[in-house]
Amino acid sequence: VMEHWRPPDNPALTLVMLTQGAICVEERRIDGPWRGYTMEQGEFFLRPPGRAHYELRWTVTSPEPAQTLHINVQPELVLRTATALGGEPARQEIVE
């Protein structure tokens, strides 16, 4: 069974971790080409802040159901952390 998700706009950085199962994922910007990859338990991806017009679809490939954990980190925390580590926040870019 293929599942589909179009995440809402979110000003936070989102960390998504697969906590159970395995999935075959495809993602794209709306009306763009699909790009596929697989994920197994313990793997994660980052979704940069403000990423709009984006969708995912996936199929569970493991015998057990897939479960995910989503953690939203506010941009101010990312900037404060970059500054504390000696970085220049204005020159930093978060990529997936």
PDB file of N, CA and C in Angstrom:
ATOM      1  N   VAL A   1       0.847  -1.175   0.000  1.00  0.00           N
ATOM      2  CA  VAL A   1       0.000   0.000   0.000  1.00  0.00           C
ATOM      3  C   VAL A   1       0.890   1.234   0.000  1.00  0.00           C
ATOM      4  N   MET A   2       0.657   2.148  -0.937  1.00  0.00           N
ATOM      5  CA  MET A   2       1.433   3.367  -0.989  1.00  0.00           C
ATOM      6  C   MET A   2       0.729   4.453  -0.191  1.00  0.00           C
ATOM      7  N   GLU A   3       1.472   5.073   0.705  1.00  0.00           N
ATOM      8  CA  GLU A   3       0.980   6.185   1.504  1.00  0.00           C
ATOM      9  C   GLU A   3       1.458   7.479   0.853  1.00  0.00           C
ATOM     10  N   HIS A   4       0.759   8.578   1.127  1.00  0.00           N
ATOM     11  CA  HIS A   4       1.091   9.861   0.531  1.00  0.00           C
ATOM     12  C   HIS A   4       0.974  10.942   1.593  1.00  0.00           C
ATOM     13  N   TRP A   5       1.899  11.931   1.574  1.00  0.00           N
ATOM     14  CA  TRP A   5       1.878  13.004   2.566  1.00  0.00           C
ATOM     15  C   TRP A   5       2.384  14.282   1.942  1.00  0.00           C
ATOM     16  N   ARG A   6       1.654  15.351   2.125  1.00  0.00           N
ATOM     17  CA  ARG A   6       2.090  16.675   1.705  1.00  0.00           C
ATOM     18  C   ARG A   6       2.235  17.505   2.984  1.00  0.00           C
ATOM     19  N   PRO A   7       3.490  17.662   3.468  1.00  0.00           N
ATOM     20  CA  PRO A   7       3.680  18.360   4.736  1.00  0.00           C
ATOM     21  C   PRO A   7       3.260  19.819   4.650  1.00  0.00           C
ATOM     22  N   PRO A   8       2.739  20.360   5.746  1.00  0.00           N
ATOM     23  CA  PRO A   8       2.386  21.776   5.768  1.00  0.00           C
ATOM     24  C   PRO A   8       3.651  22.631   5.822  1.00  0.00           C
ATOM     25  N   ASP A   9       3.504  23.906   5.464  1.00  0.00           N
ATOM     26  CA  ASP A   9       4.625  24.828   5.629  1.00  0.00           C
ATOM     27  C   ASP A   9       4.999  24.841   7.096  1.00  0.00           C
ATOM     28  N   ASN A  10       6.286  24.866   7.377  1.00  0.00           N
ATOM     29  CA  ASN A  10       6.743  24.841   8.752  1.00  0.00           C
ATOM     30  C   ASN A  10       7.987  25.710   8.854  1.00  0.00           C
ATOM     31  N   PRO A  11       7.974  26.726   9.724  1.00  0.00           N
ATOM     32  CA  PRO A  11       9.152  27.590   9.860  1.00  0.00           C
ATOM     33  C   PRO A  11      10.305  26.923  10.605  1.00  0.00           C
ATOM     34  N   ALA A  12      10.074  25.730  11.148  1.00  0.00           N
ATOM     35  CA  ALA A  12      11.109  25.025  11.911  1.00  0.00           C
ATOM     36  C   ALA A  12      11.856  24.029  11.036  1.00  0.00           C
ATOM     37  N   LEU A  13      13.078  23.710  11.465  1.00  0.00           N
ATOM     38  CA  LEU A  13      13.812  22.600  10.882  1.00  0.00           C
ATOM     39  C   LEU A  13      13.155  21.341  11.429  1.00  0.00           C
ATOM     40  N   THR A  14      12.877  20.374  10.577  1.00  0.00           N
ATOM     41  CA  THR A  14      12.231  19.145  11.023  1.00  0.00           C
ATOM     42  C   THR A  14      13.178  17.968  10.824  1.00  0.00           C
ATOM     43  N   LEU A  15      13.381  17.230  11.894  1.00  0.00           N
ATOM     44  CA  LEU A  15      14.162  16.001  11.857  1.00  0.00           C
ATOM     45  C   LEU A  15      13.150  14.860  11.902  1.00  0.00           C
ATOM     46  N   VAL A  16      13.187  13.982  10.891  1.00  0.00           N
ATOM     47  CA  VAL A  16      12.274  12.842  10.836  1.00  0.00           C
ATOM     48  C   VAL A  16      13.118  11.580  10.901  1.00  0.00           C
ATOM     49  N   MET A  17      12.837  10.756  11.911  1.00  0.00           N
ATOM     50  CA  MET A  17      13.589   9.513  12.107  1.00  0.00           C
ATOM     51  C   MET A  17      12.645   8.325  11.989  1.00  0.00           C
ATOM     52  N   LEU A  18      13.059   7.324  11.247  1.00  0.00           N
ATOM     53  CA  LEU A  18      12.299   6.083  11.144  1.00  0.00           C
ATOM     54  C   LEU A  18      12.645   5.243  12.367  1.00  0.00           C
ATOM     55  N   THR A  19      11.692   5.075  13.278  1.00  0.00           N
ATOM     56  CA  THR A  19      11.948   4.373  14.537  1.00  0.00           C
ATOM     57  C   THR A  19      11.588   2.898  14.480  1.00  0.00           C
ATOM     58  N   GLN A  20      10.844   2.500  13.438  1.00  0.00           N
ATOM     59  CA  GLN A  20      10.502   1.084  13.264  1.00  0.00           C
ATOM     60  C   GLN A  20      10.227   0.818  11.803  1.00  0.00           C
ATOM     61  N   GLY A  21      10.666  -0.334  11.321  1.00  0.00           N
ATOM     62  CA  GLY A  21      10.347  -0.758   9.966  1.00  0.00           C
ATOM     63  C   GLY A  21      11.350  -0.303   8.924  1.00  0.00           C
ATOM     64  N   ALA A  22      10.963  -0.465   7.683  1.00  0.00           N
ATOM     65  CA  ALA A  22      11.753  -0.047   6.526  1.00  0.00           C
ATOM     66  C   ALA A  22      10.770   0.420   5.461  1.00  0.00           C
ATOM     67  N   ILE A  23      11.169   1.441   4.695  1.00  0.00           N
ATOM     68  CA  ILE A  23      10.281   2.001   3.673  1.00  0.00           C
ATOM     69  C   ILE A  23      11.058   2.361   2.415  1.00  0.00           C
ATOM     70  N   CYS A  24      10.362   2.355   1.311  1.00  0.00           N
ATOM     71  CA  CYS A  24      10.858   2.868   0.039  1.00  0.00           C
ATOM     72  C   CYS A  24      10.150   4.203  -0.146  1.00  0.00           C
ATOM     73  N   VAL A  25      10.908   5.289  -0.208  1.00  0.00           N
ATOM     74  CA  VAL A  25      10.365   6.644  -0.228  1.00  0.00           C
ATOM     75  C   VAL A  25      10.615   7.291  -1.584  1.00  0.00           C
ATOM     76  N   GLU A  26       9.651   8.093  -2.040  1.00  0.00           N
ATOM     77  CA  GLU A  26       9.843   8.974  -3.189  1.00  0.00           C
ATOM     78  C   GLU A  26       9.419  10.362  -2.747  1.00  0.00           C
ATOM     79  N   GLU A  27      10.153  11.380  -3.182  1.00  0.00           N
ATOM     80  CA  GLU A  27       9.825  12.754  -2.835  1.00  0.00           C
ATOM     81  C   GLU A  27       9.977  13.656  -4.044  1.00  0.00           C
ATOM     82  N   ARG A  28       9.299  14.794  -3.984  1.00  0.00           N
ATOM     83  CA  ARG A  28       9.430  15.775  -5.059  1.00  0.00           C
ATOM     84  C   ARG A  28       8.845  17.109  -4.613  1.00  0.00           C
ATOM     85  N   ARG A  29       9.294  18.147  -5.291  1.00  0.00           N
ATOM     86  CA  ARG A  29       8.609  19.429  -5.195  1.00  0.00           C
ATOM     87  C   ARG A  29       7.382  19.277  -6.087  1.00  0.00           C
ATOM     88  N   ILE A  30       6.311  19.974  -5.763  1.00  0.00           N
ATOM     89  CA  ILE A  30       5.078  19.826  -6.523  1.00  0.00           C
ATOM     90  C   ILE A  30       5.361  20.016  -8.011  1.00  0.00           C
ATOM     91  N   ASP A  31       4.868  19.097  -8.818  1.00  0.00           N
ATOM     92  CA  ASP A  31       5.023  19.088 -10.268  1.00  0.00           C
ATOM     93  C   ASP A  31       6.451  18.825 -10.743  1.00  0.00           C
ATOM     94  N   GLY A  32       7.351  18.436  -9.831  1.00  0.00           N
ATOM     95  CA  GLY A  32       8.714  18.101 -10.217  1.00  0.00           C
ATOM     96  C   GLY A  32       8.863  16.599 -10.359  1.00  0.00           C
ATOM     97  N   PRO A  33      10.051  16.136 -10.726  1.00  0.00           N
ATOM     98  CA  PRO A  33      10.269  14.700 -10.857  1.00  0.00           C
ATOM     99  C   PRO A  33      10.387  14.032  -9.487  1.00  0.00           C
ATOM    100  N   TRP A  34       9.970  12.788  -9.403  1.00  0.00           N
ATOM    101  CA  TRP A  34      10.095  12.016  -8.180  1.00  0.00           C
ATOM    102  C   TRP A  34      11.524  11.519  -8.039  1.00  0.00           C
ATOM    103  N   ARG A  35      12.050  11.515  -6.800  1.00  0.00           N
ATOM    104  CA  ARG A  35      13.384  11.004  -6.483  1.00  0.00           C
ATOM    105  C   ARG A  35      13.201   9.966  -5.384  1.00  0.00           C
ATOM    106  N   GLY A  36      13.755   8.773  -5.575  1.00  0.00           N
ATOM    107  CA  GLY A  36      13.519   7.695  -4.635  1.00  0.00           C
ATOM    108  C   GLY A  36      14.735   7.276  -3.838  1.00  0.00           C
ATOM    109  N   TYR A  37      14.477   6.724  -2.654  1.00  0.00           N
ATOM    110  CA  TYR A  37      15.513   6.165  -1.804  1.00  0.00           C
ATOM    111  C   TYR A  37      14.842   5.229  -0.796  1.00  0.00           C
ATOM    112  N   THR A  38      15.647   4.453  -0.086  1.00  0.00           N
ATOM    113  CA  THR A  38      15.106   3.565   0.945  1.00  0.00           C
ATOM    114  C   THR A  38      15.559   4.055   2.318  1.00  0.00           C
ATOM    115  N   MET A  39      14.757   3.735   3.313  1.00  0.00           N
ATOM    116  CA  MET A  39      15.101   4.072   4.696  1.00  0.00           C
ATOM    117  C   MET A  39      14.854   2.849   5.562  1.00  0.00           C
ATOM    118  N   GLU A  40      15.750   2.638   6.527  1.00  0.00           N
ATOM    119  CA  GLU A  40      15.597   1.558   7.495  1.00  0.00           C
ATOM    120  C   GLU A  40      15.576   2.139   8.898  1.00  0.00           C
ATOM    121  N   GLN A  41      15.132   1.331   9.819  1.00  0.00           N
ATOM    122  CA  GLN A  41      15.040   1.767  11.209  1.00  0.00           C
ATOM    123  C   GLN A  41      16.324   2.443  11.657  1.00  0.00           C
ATOM    124  N   GLY A  42      16.198   3.603  12.306  1.00  0.00           N
ATOM    125  CA  GLY A  42      17.346   4.350  12.816  1.00  0.00           C
ATOM    126  C   GLY A  42      17.840   5.427  11.877  1.00  0.00           C
ATOM    127  N   GLU A  43      17.416   5.408  10.623  1.00  0.00           N
ATOM    128  CA  GLU A  43      17.844   6.436   9.673  1.00  0.00           C
ATOM    129  C   GLU A  43      16.906   7.641   9.770  1.00  0.00           C
ATOM    130  N   PHE A  44      17.424   8.796   9.357  1.00  0.00           N
ATOM    131  CA  PHE A  44      16.625  10.014   9.440  1.00  0.00           C
ATOM    132  C   PHE A  44      16.939  10.943   8.280  1.00  0.00           C
ATOM    133  N   PHE A  45      16.073  11.950   8.115  1.00  0.00           N
ATOM    134  CA  PHE A  45      16.353  13.011   7.160  1.00  0.00           C
ATOM    135  C   PHE A  45      15.967  14.339   7.788  1.00  0.00           C
ATOM    136  N   LEU A  46      16.561  15.418   7.270  1.00  0.00           N
ATOM    137  CA  LEU A  46      16.256  16.768   7.708  1.00  0.00           C
ATOM    138  C   LEU A  46      15.419  17.462   6.660  1.00  0.00           C
ATOM    139  N   ARG A  47      14.438  18.181   7.099  1.00  0.00           N
ATOM    140  CA  ARG A  47      13.645  19.024   6.214  1.00  0.00           C
ATOM    141  C   ARG A  47      13.922  20.461   6.623  1.00  0.00           C
ATOM    142  N   PRO A  48      14.586  21.263   5.758  1.00  0.00           N
ATOM    143  CA  PRO A  48      14.921  22.643   6.110  1.00  0.00           C
ATOM    144  C   PRO A  48      13.674  23.478   6.421  1.00  0.00           C
ATOM    145  N   PRO A  49      13.844  24.548   7.190  1.00  0.00           N
ATOM    146  CA  PRO A  49      12.713  25.415   7.516  1.00  0.00           C
ATOM    147  C   PRO A  49      12.098  26.037   6.264  1.00  0.00           C
ATOM    148  N   GLY A  50      10.778  26.191   6.306  1.00  0.00           N
ATOM    149  CA  GLY A  50      10.070  26.914   5.253  1.00  0.00           C
ATOM    150  C   GLY A  50       9.969  26.218   3.921  1.00  0.00           C
ATOM    151  N   ARG A  51      10.266  24.943   3.865  1.00  0.00           N
ATOM    152  CA  ARG A  51      10.195  24.242   2.579  1.00  0.00           C
ATOM    153  C   ARG A  51       8.733  23.994   2.231  1.00  0.00           C
ATOM    154  N   ALA A  52       8.278  24.616   1.180  1.00  0.00           N
ATOM    155  CA  ALA A  52       6.875  24.520   0.787  1.00  0.00           C
ATOM    156  C   ALA A  52       6.737  23.740  -0.517  1.00  0.00           C
ATOM    157  N   HIS A  53       5.508  23.382  -0.820  1.00  0.00           N
ATOM    158  CA  HIS A  53       5.194  22.731  -2.092  1.00  0.00           C
ATOM    159  C   HIS A  53       6.036  21.473  -2.302  1.00  0.00           C
ATOM    160  N   TYR A  54       5.896  20.558  -1.385  1.00  0.00           N
ATOM    161  CA  TYR A  54       6.736  19.382  -1.307  1.00  0.00           C
ATOM    162  C   TYR A  54       5.840  18.207  -0.929  1.00  0.00           C
ATOM    163  N   GLU A  55       6.101  17.036  -1.492  1.00  0.00           N
ATOM    164  CA  GLU A  55       5.303  15.888  -1.113  1.00  0.00           C
ATOM    165  C   GLU A  55       6.140  14.615  -1.087  1.00  0.00           C
ATOM    166  N   LEU A  56       5.680  13.672  -0.285  1.00  0.00           N
ATOM    167  CA  LEU A  56       6.321  12.370  -0.136  1.00  0.00           C
ATOM    168  C   LEU A  56       5.297  11.285  -0.401  1.00  0.00           C
ATOM    169  N   ARG A  57       5.788  10.154  -0.886  1.00  0.00           N
ATOM    170  CA  ARG A  57       4.972   8.940  -0.930  1.00  0.00           C
ATOM    171  C   ARG A  57       5.906   7.793  -0.599  1.00  0.00           C
ATOM    172  N   TRP A  58       5.351   6.762   0.017  1.00  0.00           N
ATOM    173  CA  TRP A  58       6.193   5.660   0.453  1.00  0.00           C
ATOM    174  C   TRP A  58       5.408   4.365   0.532  1.00  0.00           C
ATOM    175  N   THR A  59       6.167   3.282   0.495  1.00  0.00           N
ATOM    176  CA  THR A  59       5.636   1.937   0.663  1.00  0.00           C
ATOM    177  C   THR A  59       6.456   1.262   1.754  1.00  0.00           C
ATOM    178  N   VAL A  60       5.781   0.631   2.700  1.00  0.00           N
ATOM    179  CA  VAL A  60       6.465  -0.102   3.757  1.00  0.00           C
ATOM    180  C   VAL A  60       7.005  -1.394   3.152  1.00  0.00           C
ATOM    181  N   THR A  61       8.283  -1.674   3.387  1.00  0.00           N
ATOM    182  CA  THR A  61       8.920  -2.863   2.818  1.00  0.00           C
ATOM    183  C   THR A  61       9.302  -3.884   3.885  1.00  0.00           C
ATOM    184  N   SER A  62       8.949  -3.622   5.121  1.00  0.00           N
ATOM    185  CA  SER A  62       9.264  -4.546   6.216  1.00  0.00           C
ATOM    186  C   SER A  62       7.987  -5.239   6.684  1.00  0.00           C
ATOM    187  N   PRO A  63       8.126  -6.380   7.355  1.00  0.00           N
ATOM    188  CA  PRO A  63       6.938  -7.067   7.854  1.00  0.00           C
ATOM    189  C   PRO A  63       6.198  -6.261   8.925  1.00  0.00           C
ATOM    190  N   GLU A  64       6.942  -5.468   9.717  1.00  0.00           N
ATOM    191  CA  GLU A  64       6.296  -4.658  10.738  1.00  0.00           C
ATOM    192  C   GLU A  64       5.936  -3.281  10.174  1.00  0.00           C
ATOM    193  N   PRO A  65       4.941  -2.613  10.751  1.00  0.00           N
ATOM    194  CA  PRO A  65       4.567  -1.286  10.259  1.00  0.00           C
ATOM    195  C   PRO A  65       5.681  -0.266  10.504  1.00  0.00           C
ATOM    196  N   ALA A  66       5.729   0.742   9.685  1.00  0.00           N
ATOM    197  CA  ALA A  66       6.703   1.823   9.857  1.00  0.00           C
ATOM    198  C   ALA A  66       6.180   2.819  10.889  1.00  0.00           C
ATOM    199  N   GLN A  67       7.095   3.317  11.696  1.00  0.00           N
ATOM    200  CA  GLN A  67       6.779   4.372  12.657  1.00  0.00           C
ATOM    201  C   GLN A  67       7.859   5.427  12.564  1.00  0.00           C
ATOM    202  N   THR A  68       7.459   6.696  12.691  1.00  0.00           N
ATOM    203  CA  THR A  68       8.412   7.784  12.610  1.00  0.00           C
ATOM    204  C   THR A  68       8.296   8.700  13.821  1.00  0.00           C
ATOM    205  N   LEU A  69       9.379   9.408  14.079  1.00  0.00           N
ATOM    206  CA  LEU A  69       9.442  10.420  15.113  1.00  0.00           C
ATOM    207  C   LEU A  69       9.804  11.725  14.423  1.00  0.00           C
ATOM    208  N   HIS A  70       8.993  12.771  14.617  1.00  0.00           N
ATOM    209  CA  HIS A  70       9.236  14.074  14.017  1.00  0.00           C
ATOM    210  C   HIS A  70       9.603  15.064  15.119  1.00  0.00           C
ATOM    211  N   ILE A  71      10.748  15.724  14.972  1.00  0.00           N
ATOM    212  CA  ILE A  71      11.191  16.726  15.940  1.00  0.00           C
ATOM    213  C   ILE A  71      11.361  18.042  15.196  1.00  0.00           C
ATOM    214  N   ASN A  72      10.662  19.079  15.664  1.00  0.00           N
ATOM    215  CA  ASN A  72      10.768  20.412  15.080  1.00  0.00           C
ATOM    216  C   ASN A  72      11.701  21.263  15.926  1.00  0.00           C
ATOM    217  N   VAL A  73      12.685  21.885  15.283  1.00  0.00           N
ATOM    218  CA  VAL A  73      13.656  22.743  15.956  1.00  0.00           C
ATOM    219  C   VAL A  73      13.478  24.157  15.401  1.00  0.00           C
ATOM    220  N   GLN A  74      13.216  25.092  16.286  1.00  0.00           N
ATOM    221  CA  GLN A  74      12.974  26.469  15.863  1.00  0.00           C
ATOM    222  C   GLN A  74      14.240  27.108  15.293  1.00  0.00           C
ATOM    223  N   PRO A  75      14.107  27.961  14.268  1.00  0.00           N
ATOM    224  CA  PRO A  75      15.276  28.587  13.627  1.00  0.00           C
ATOM    225  C   PRO A  75      16.169  29.345  14.605  1.00  0.00           C
ATOM    226  N   GLU A  76      15.584  29.963  15.629  1.00  0.00           N
ATOM    227  CA  GLU A  76      16.378  30.726  16.590  1.00  0.00           C
ATOM    228  C   GLU A  76      17.381  29.818  17.315  1.00  0.00           C
ATOM    229  N   LEU A  77      16.974  28.591  17.628  1.00  0.00           N
ATOM    230  CA  LEU A  77      17.879  27.654  18.297  1.00  0.00           C
ATOM    231  C   LEU A  77      19.016  27.255  17.365  1.00  0.00           C
ATOM    232  N   VAL A  78      18.713  27.045  16.095  1.00  0.00           N
ATOM    233  CA  VAL A  78      19.749  26.694  15.122  1.00  0.00           C
ATOM    234  C   VAL A  78      20.750  27.841  15.004  1.00  0.00           C
ATOM    235  N   LEU A  79      20.268  29.085  14.941  1.00  0.00           N
ATOM    236  CA  LEU A  79      21.157  30.248  14.823  1.00  0.00           C
ATOM    237  C   LEU A  79      22.006  30.430  16.083  1.00  0.00           C
ATOM    238  N   ARG A  80      21.385  30.293  17.263  1.00  0.00           N
ATOM    239  CA  ARG A  80      22.143  30.429  18.523  1.00  0.00           C
ATOM    240  C   ARG A  80      23.213  29.355  18.619  1.00  0.00           C
ATOM    241  N   THR A  81      22.885  28.140  18.218  1.00  0.00           N
ATOM    242  CA  THR A  81      23.852  27.042  18.281  1.00  0.00           C
ATOM    243  C   THR A  81      25.009  27.286  17.320  1.00  0.00           C
ATOM    244  N   ALA A  82      24.703  27.742  16.109  1.00  0.00           N
ATOM    245  CA  ALA A  82      25.768  28.038  15.135  1.00  0.00           C
ATOM    246  C   ALA A  82      26.689  29.130  15.666  1.00  0.00           C
ATOM    247  N   THR A  83      26.121  30.152  16.288  1.00  0.00           N
ATOM    248  CA  THR A  83      26.920  31.244  16.849  1.00  0.00           C
ATOM    249  C   THR A  83      27.782  30.732  18.002  1.00  0.00           C
ATOM    250  N   ALA A  84      27.203  29.917  18.882  1.00  0.00           N
ATOM    251  CA  ALA A  84      27.944  29.385  20.031  1.00  0.00           C
ATOM    252  C   ALA A  84      29.116  28.507  19.584  1.00  0.00           C
ATOM    253  N   LEU A  85      28.977  27.871  18.429  1.00  0.00           N
ATOM    254  CA  LEU A  85      30.049  27.012  17.915  1.00  0.00           C
ATOM    255  C   LEU A  85      31.068  27.783  17.083  1.00  0.00           C
ATOM    256  N   GLY A  86      30.911  29.120  17.049  1.00  0.00           N
ATOM    257  CA  GLY A  86      31.868  29.960  16.333  1.00  0.00           C
ATOM    258  C   GLY A  86      31.542  30.171  14.867  1.00  0.00           C
ATOM    259  N   GLY A  87      30.382  29.785  14.449  1.00  0.00           N
ATOM    260  CA  GLY A  87      29.991  29.970  13.054  1.00  0.00           C
ATOM    261  C   GLY A  87      29.380  31.333  12.801  1.00  0.00           C
ATOM    262  N   GLU A  88      29.165  31.635  11.566  1.00  0.00           N
ATOM    263  CA  GLU A  88      28.495  32.864  11.167  1.00  0.00           C
ATOM    264  C   GLU A  88      27.128  32.462  10.622  1.00  0.00           C
ATOM    265  N   PRO A  89      26.065  32.621  11.441  1.00  0.00           N
ATOM    266  CA  PRO A  89      24.734  32.165  11.029  1.00  0.00           C
ATOM    267  C   PRO A  89      24.272  32.680   9.678  1.00  0.00           C
ATOM    268  N   ALA A  90      24.629  33.886   9.326  1.00  0.00           N
ATOM    269  CA  ALA A  90      24.191  34.444   8.047  1.00  0.00           C
ATOM    270  C   ALA A  90      24.801  33.696   6.868  1.00  0.00           C
ATOM    271  N   ARG A  91      25.904  32.998   7.114  1.00  0.00           N
ATOM    272  CA  ARG A  91      26.585  32.277   6.039  1.00  0.00           C
ATOM    273  C   ARG A  91      26.277  30.789   6.056  1.00  0.00           C
ATOM    274  N   GLN A  92      25.409  30.346   6.972  1.00  0.00           N
ATOM    275  CA  GLN A  92      25.077  28.936   7.090  1.00  0.00           C
ATOM    276  C   GLN A  92      23.856  28.597   6.241  1.00  0.00           C
ATOM    277  N   GLU A  93      23.864  27.422   5.699  1.00  0.00           N
ATOM    278  CA  GLU A  93      22.718  26.925   4.934  1.00  0.00           C
ATOM    279  C   GLU A  93      22.422  25.506   5.391  1.00  0.00           C
ATOM    280  N   ILE A  94      21.143  25.251   5.650  1.00  0.00           N
ATOM    281  CA  ILE A  94      20.726  23.908   6.046  1.00  0.00           C
ATOM    282  C   ILE A  94      20.224  23.195   4.799  1.00  0.00           C
ATOM    283  N   VAL A  95      20.825  22.063   4.495  1.00  0.00           N
ATOM    284  CA  VAL A  95      20.411  21.293   3.331  1.00  0.00           C
ATOM    285  C   VAL A  95      19.992  19.902   3.778  1.00  0.00           C
ATOM    286  N   GLU A  96      19.166  19.258   2.983  1.00  0.00           N
ATOM    287  CA  GLU A  96      18.721  17.909   3.313  1.00  0.00           C
ATOM    288  C   GLU A  96      19.832  16.908   3.078  1.00  0.00           C
TER     289      GLU A  96
END
